[in-house]
Protein backbone atom coordinates (compact mmCIF):
# COMPACT_ATOMS: atom_id res chain seq x y z
CA MET A 1 27.40 -9.58 16.62
CA LYS A 2 28.65 -7.15 19.28
CA THR A 3 29.80 -3.68 18.24
CA PRO A 4 33.44 -2.86 19.14
CA ALA A 5 32.33 -0.31 21.74
CA LEU A 6 29.92 -2.76 23.43
CA PHE A 7 32.50 -5.56 23.43
CA LEU A 8 35.11 -3.27 24.98
CA THR A 9 32.56 -2.20 27.59
CA LEU A 10 31.98 -5.82 28.59
CA ILE A 11 35.72 -6.45 28.84
CA PHE A 12 37.00 -3.30 30.51
CA SER A 13 34.13 -1.59 32.33
CA ALA A 14 34.33 -3.05 35.85
CA VAL A 15 36.50 -1.18 38.31
CA ALA A 16 38.92 -3.13 40.47
CA PRO A 17 38.75 -3.00 44.28
CA ALA A 18 40.65 -0.04 45.73
CA GLN A 19 44.35 -0.59 46.29
CA GLN A 20 46.78 1.25 48.52
CA LYS A 21 47.31 4.71 47.08
CA PRO A 22 50.26 4.73 44.66
CA THR A 23 53.02 7.27 44.26
CA THR A 24 52.25 9.25 41.10
CA GLY A 25 54.03 11.87 39.05
CA TYR A 26 55.05 13.25 35.69
CA ALA A 27 58.51 12.58 34.32
CA PRO A 28 60.10 15.07 31.89
CA VAL A 29 61.36 12.71 29.17
CA ASN A 30 62.16 13.51 25.53
CA GLY A 31 59.81 16.48 25.44
CA LEU A 32 56.97 14.61 27.18
CA LYS A 33 55.51 14.96 30.62
CA MET A 34 55.00 11.23 31.09
CA TYR A 35 52.51 10.15 33.73
CA TYR A 36 53.54 7.23 35.93
CA GLU A 37 52.39 5.38 39.03
CA VAL A 38 54.47 3.31 41.45
CA HIS A 39 52.68 0.59 43.44
CA GLY A 40 54.10 -1.77 46.05
CA SER A 41 57.71 -2.59 46.76
CA GLY A 42 60.29 -5.13 45.67
CA ASP A 43 62.00 -5.81 42.37
CA PRO A 44 60.75 -3.32 39.74
CA VAL A 45 58.46 -4.32 36.89
CA VAL A 46 57.20 -1.85 34.27
CA LEU A 47 53.70 -2.18 32.76
CA LEU A 48 53.17 -0.92 29.19
CA HIS A 49 49.57 -0.64 27.97
CA GLY A 50 48.04 -1.26 24.57
CA SER A 51 46.96 1.25 21.93
CA PHE A 52 44.40 3.89 23.02
CA MET A 53 44.45 2.53 26.58
CA THR A 54 45.33 3.79 30.06
CA ILE A 55 46.77 2.30 33.23
CA THR A 56 43.26 1.86 34.61
CA ASN A 57 41.50 0.10 31.75
CA ASN A 58 44.48 -2.07 30.83
CA TRP A 59 45.91 -3.05 34.21
CA ALA A 60 43.49 -2.17 37.01
CA ASN A 61 39.91 -3.03 36.07
CA ASN A 62 38.06 -5.82 37.87
CA ARG A 63 38.52 -8.34 35.06
CA ALA A 64 42.24 -7.58 34.87
CA PRO A 65 43.54 -6.73 38.38
CA TRP A 66 47.15 -6.96 37.27
CA ILE A 67 48.50 -4.14 39.41
CA GLY A 68 46.86 -5.44 42.57
CA ASP A 69 48.26 -8.94 42.11
CA LEU A 70 51.73 -8.02 40.88
CA SER A 71 52.28 -5.33 43.53
CA LYS A 72 51.90 -7.88 46.32
CA THR A 73 55.51 -8.89 45.75
CA ARG A 74 56.96 -6.30 43.35
CA GLN A 75 57.39 -2.60 42.77
CA VAL A 76 55.02 -2.00 39.85
CA ILE A 77 55.77 1.02 37.66
CA ALA A 78 52.79 1.69 35.40
CA VAL A 79 53.08 4.35 32.70
CA GLU A 80 50.92 6.12 30.16
CA LEU A 81 52.73 6.48 26.86
CA GLN A 82 52.78 9.43 24.45
CA GLY A 83 49.29 10.85 23.91
CA HIS A 84 47.61 8.26 26.14
CA GLY A 85 45.75 8.93 29.37
CA ARG A 86 47.33 11.70 31.39
CA THR A 87 50.39 11.98 29.14
CA ALA A 88 49.81 14.78 26.64
CA ASP A 89 50.78 14.29 23.02
CA ILE A 90 53.68 16.17 21.42
CA LYS A 91 54.59 16.99 17.83
CA ARG A 92 56.46 13.77 17.15
CA ASP A 93 55.52 10.70 15.16
CA PHE A 94 54.29 7.69 17.05
CA SER A 95 56.87 4.92 16.72
CA TYR A 96 57.92 1.91 18.74
CA ALA A 97 61.47 3.29 18.89
CA HIS A 98 60.34 6.64 20.32
CA LEU A 99 58.09 5.00 22.89
CA ALA A 100 60.85 2.61 23.97
CA ASP A 101 63.29 5.50 24.36
CA ASP A 102 60.71 7.31 26.52
CA VAL A 103 60.46 4.33 28.87
CA ALA A 104 64.25 4.12 29.11
CA ALA A 105 64.38 7.81 30.01
CA LEU A 106 61.65 7.29 32.64
CA LEU A 107 63.74 4.58 34.30
CA ASP A 108 66.66 7.01 34.43
CA PHE A 109 64.39 9.66 35.96
CA LEU A 110 63.20 7.19 38.62
CA LYS A 111 66.79 6.02 39.18
CA VAL A 112 65.86 2.44 38.33
CA LYS A 113 68.95 0.80 36.89
CA GLN A 114 67.20 -2.29 35.53
CA ALA A 115 63.63 -3.61 35.47
CA ASP A 116 61.44 -6.38 34.16
CA VAL A 117 58.96 -5.22 31.53
CA ILE A 118 55.44 -6.48 30.78
CA GLY A 119 53.73 -5.12 27.67
CA TYR A 120 50.35 -5.80 26.12
CA SER A 121 49.73 -5.44 22.37
CA MET A 122 51.39 -2.14 21.39
CA GLY A 123 53.08 -2.21 24.79
CA GLY A 124 54.54 -5.63 24.02
CA GLY A 125 56.14 -4.20 20.89
CA VAL A 126 57.53 -1.32 22.95
CA ALA A 127 58.91 -3.83 25.47
CA MET A 128 60.73 -5.75 22.73
CA GLN A 129 62.14 -2.51 21.31
CA LEU A 130 63.26 -1.47 24.78
CA ALA A 131 65.21 -4.73 25.11
CA ILE A 132 66.77 -4.17 21.67
CA ARG A 133 67.61 -0.47 22.09
CA HIS A 134 68.43 -0.35 25.80
CA PRO A 135 69.56 -3.85 26.76
CA ALA A 136 71.22 -2.89 30.04
CA LYS A 137 67.93 -1.54 31.39
CA VAL A 138 65.86 -4.69 30.80
CA ARG A 139 66.20 -7.86 32.85
CA LYS A 140 63.29 -9.89 31.45
CA VAL A 141 60.44 -9.19 29.01
CA VAL A 142 56.86 -10.46 29.00
CA SER A 143 55.24 -9.77 25.62
CA ILE A 144 51.47 -10.32 25.55
CA SER A 145 49.86 -10.57 22.09
CA ALA A 146 52.45 -8.47 20.28
CA VAL A 147 54.55 -8.73 17.12
CA PHE A 148 58.00 -7.54 16.13
CA ARG A 149 57.18 -7.18 12.45
CA HIS A 150 54.21 -5.70 10.59
CA ASP A 151 53.30 -8.98 8.89
CA GLY A 152 53.11 -10.77 12.24
CA TRP A 153 49.40 -9.95 12.36
CA VAL A 154 46.93 -12.13 10.48
CA LYS A 155 45.60 -10.73 7.19
CA GLU A 156 42.23 -9.97 8.80
CA ALA A 157 43.94 -7.65 11.28
CA LEU A 158 46.09 -5.97 8.63
CA ASP A 159 42.96 -5.36 6.56
CA ALA A 160 41.16 -3.91 9.59
CA PHE A 161 43.81 -1.38 10.63
CA PRO A 162 43.11 1.08 7.78
CA LYS A 163 39.39 0.93 8.61
CA MET A 164 39.85 1.75 12.31
CA THR A 165 38.11 5.03 13.15
CA PRO A 166 37.41 6.94 16.37
CA GLU A 167 33.69 6.32 15.76
CA MET A 168 34.26 2.58 16.25
CA LEU A 169 35.26 3.30 19.85
CA LYS A 170 32.51 5.82 20.56
CA GLY A 171 30.89 5.14 23.92
CA SER A 172 33.55 2.63 24.98
CA PRO A 173 35.49 2.75 28.28
CA ILE A 174 38.57 3.53 26.19
CA GLU A 175 36.99 6.75 24.92
CA SER A 176 35.50 7.69 28.28
CA ASP A 177 38.79 7.11 30.13
CA TYR A 178 40.59 9.30 27.63
CA LYS A 179 38.07 12.11 27.99
CA LYS A 180 38.23 11.85 31.77
CA LEU A 181 42.01 11.72 32.13
CA SER A 182 43.59 13.46 29.15
CA PRO A 183 44.75 17.09 29.35
CA THR A 184 43.26 17.39 25.83
CA PRO A 185 39.95 15.53 26.21
CA ASP A 186 38.59 16.68 22.85
CA LYS A 187 41.43 15.04 20.87
CA PHE A 188 40.52 11.35 21.22
CA GLY A 189 40.06 11.07 17.47
CA GLU A 190 43.56 12.38 16.88
CA LEU A 191 44.99 9.82 19.33
CA VAL A 192 43.28 6.97 17.47
CA ARG A 193 44.55 8.16 14.11
CA ARG A 194 48.10 8.75 15.33
CA ALA A 195 48.40 5.52 17.31
CA ILE A 196 47.01 3.37 14.49
CA SER A 197 49.50 5.03 12.11
CA MET A 198 52.20 2.78 13.57
CA ASP A 199 50.36 -0.26 12.25
CA LEU A 200 49.54 1.24 8.86
CA LYS A 201 53.13 1.34 7.64
CA PRO A 202 55.39 -1.71 7.47
CA TYR A 203 57.85 -2.03 10.34
CA ASP A 204 60.39 -4.62 11.37
CA PHE A 205 62.45 -4.60 14.56
CA GLY A 206 64.82 -7.15 12.98
CA ALA A 207 64.87 -10.88 13.67
CA ASP A 208 68.61 -10.76 14.16
CA LYS A 209 68.27 -7.93 16.69
CA LEU A 210 65.49 -9.65 18.61
CA GLY A 211 67.39 -12.92 18.68
CA ALA A 212 70.52 -11.17 19.95
CA THR A 213 68.81 -9.50 22.92
CA ARG A 214 70.23 -10.57 26.25
CA SER A 215 66.88 -10.49 28.07
CA PRO A 216 64.92 -13.74 28.38
CA MET A 217 61.43 -13.28 26.93
CA PHE A 218 58.07 -14.83 27.73
CA PHE A 219 55.68 -14.70 24.76
CA ILE A 220 52.02 -15.03 25.78
CA HIS A 221 49.29 -15.39 23.18
CA GLY A 222 45.74 -16.55 22.69
CA ASP A 223 45.02 -19.18 20.09
CA ALA A 224 42.75 -16.63 18.35
CA ASP A 225 44.48 -13.34 19.17
CA GLY A 226 45.20 -12.12 15.65
CA VAL A 227 48.92 -12.94 15.59
CA ARG A 228 49.97 -15.50 13.00
CA LEU A 229 50.95 -18.80 14.61
CA ALA A 230 54.02 -18.93 12.38
CA HIS A 231 55.08 -15.53 13.71
CA ILE A 232 54.62 -16.68 17.31
CA SER A 233 56.81 -19.69 16.52
CA GLU A 234 59.38 -17.46 14.86
CA MET A 235 59.66 -15.20 17.92
CA PHE A 236 60.03 -18.13 20.28
CA ARG A 237 62.59 -19.86 18.06
CA LEU A 238 64.65 -16.67 18.02
CA LYS A 239 64.72 -16.55 21.82
CA GLY A 240 63.89 -20.05 23.01
CA ARG A 241 65.11 -22.32 20.25
CA GLU A 242 63.42 -25.62 19.42
CA ILE A 243 64.82 -28.39 21.57
CA PHE A 244 63.97 -31.52 23.50
CA GLY A 245 64.17 -30.02 26.97
CA ASP A 246 64.48 -33.35 28.76
CA MET A 247 67.68 -34.05 26.85
CA GLN A 248 69.54 -30.77 27.21
CA PRO A 249 69.41 -27.44 29.03
CA ARG A 250 66.73 -25.21 27.61
CA SER A 251 66.51 -21.49 27.06
CA GLU A 252 65.35 -19.16 29.82
CA SER A 253 62.71 -17.79 27.43
CA ARG A 254 59.18 -19.20 27.47
CA LEU A 255 56.00 -19.50 25.40
CA ALA A 256 52.35 -19.85 26.44
CA ILE A 257 49.32 -20.08 24.16
CA LEU A 258 45.97 -19.93 25.95
CA PRO A 259 43.06 -21.88 24.44
CA ASN A 260 39.84 -20.23 23.30
CA THR A 261 41.38 -16.79 23.87
CA THR A 262 41.35 -13.64 21.74
CA HIS A 263 43.41 -10.46 21.72
CA LEU A 264 41.00 -8.74 24.12
CA THR A 265 40.04 -11.67 26.32
CA LEU A 266 43.70 -12.36 27.12
CA MET A 267 43.51 -9.45 29.54
CA GLU A 268 40.61 -11.11 31.38
CA LYS A 269 42.81 -14.07 32.25
CA GLY A 270 45.19 -12.44 34.71
CA LYS A 271 44.43 -15.10 37.33
CA THR A 272 45.85 -17.69 34.93
CA ILE A 273 48.62 -15.61 33.41
CA ILE A 274 50.03 -13.74 36.43
CA PRO A 275 51.21 -16.90 38.27
CA MET A 276 53.04 -17.94 35.08
CA ILE A 277 54.61 -14.49 34.84
CA ASN A 278 55.69 -14.58 38.49
CA ASP A 279 57.27 -17.99 37.96
CA PHE A 280 59.13 -16.67 34.90
CA LEU A 281 60.33 -13.50 36.63
CA ASP A 282 61.33 -15.38 39.81
CA ALA A 283 63.33 -18.03 37.95
CA LYS A 284 67.04 -17.71 38.60
CA SER A 285 69.35 -17.30 35.66
CA ALA A 286 71.33 -20.38 34.69
CA ASN A 287 74.24 -18.14 33.68
């Protein structure tokens, strides 16, 4: 059985081919100096990484060249959230609401009126909260292996969260990226503890609030990604309904479940997932 650090090394270690140099900067938002990168040109899409991760190891390694592919036709805005990567932590609890508000403030700083949002894991939860809390700023959402309620994870995952320690990630690309990029490289353990705190206490974005969001959503999951299948169905029913699409117009929201795919290996399958995302984002509204 692979250790977590070794498994993460196999998934995230390869570096993607060099891309055209992005525009980078730090946005002063809600007490943070939030690091961001802008790649390519076209309609804007924001990338939100998972817990403990960075732009590089989530979106730009060789097994997950998301930025390179998406920026061929879009303006890709990749960010590093509170305490992650080059964005220093502040004295404020980690919460999906706070992180969503930070992204909304970043869009204001960049003078982006509205954007599509793609989030992985924690970032998918932030994307859903952004659509709930700042609906005018979000055109469409792609949520990859995320939940809107604490009990959306399978029991095995809920049991594992309290046992997550910085030592489990020792020697992984996640730890090494943090130490290389963070303005506080000796505080990786604190990041792990603070980020996992969001999953240690029950949370619920509200089924009624998610269902009422105006943004179409594309839920992407693996068939073994740690999210309960009933929860995946619940999210899609809230946004996509359950209909016979050949008999009546269907929702603009979508669902994909990839076979033989886990929470981590989802990010290896960009070559399969990105064309589906492009088709979703390019689809014209029926309204």
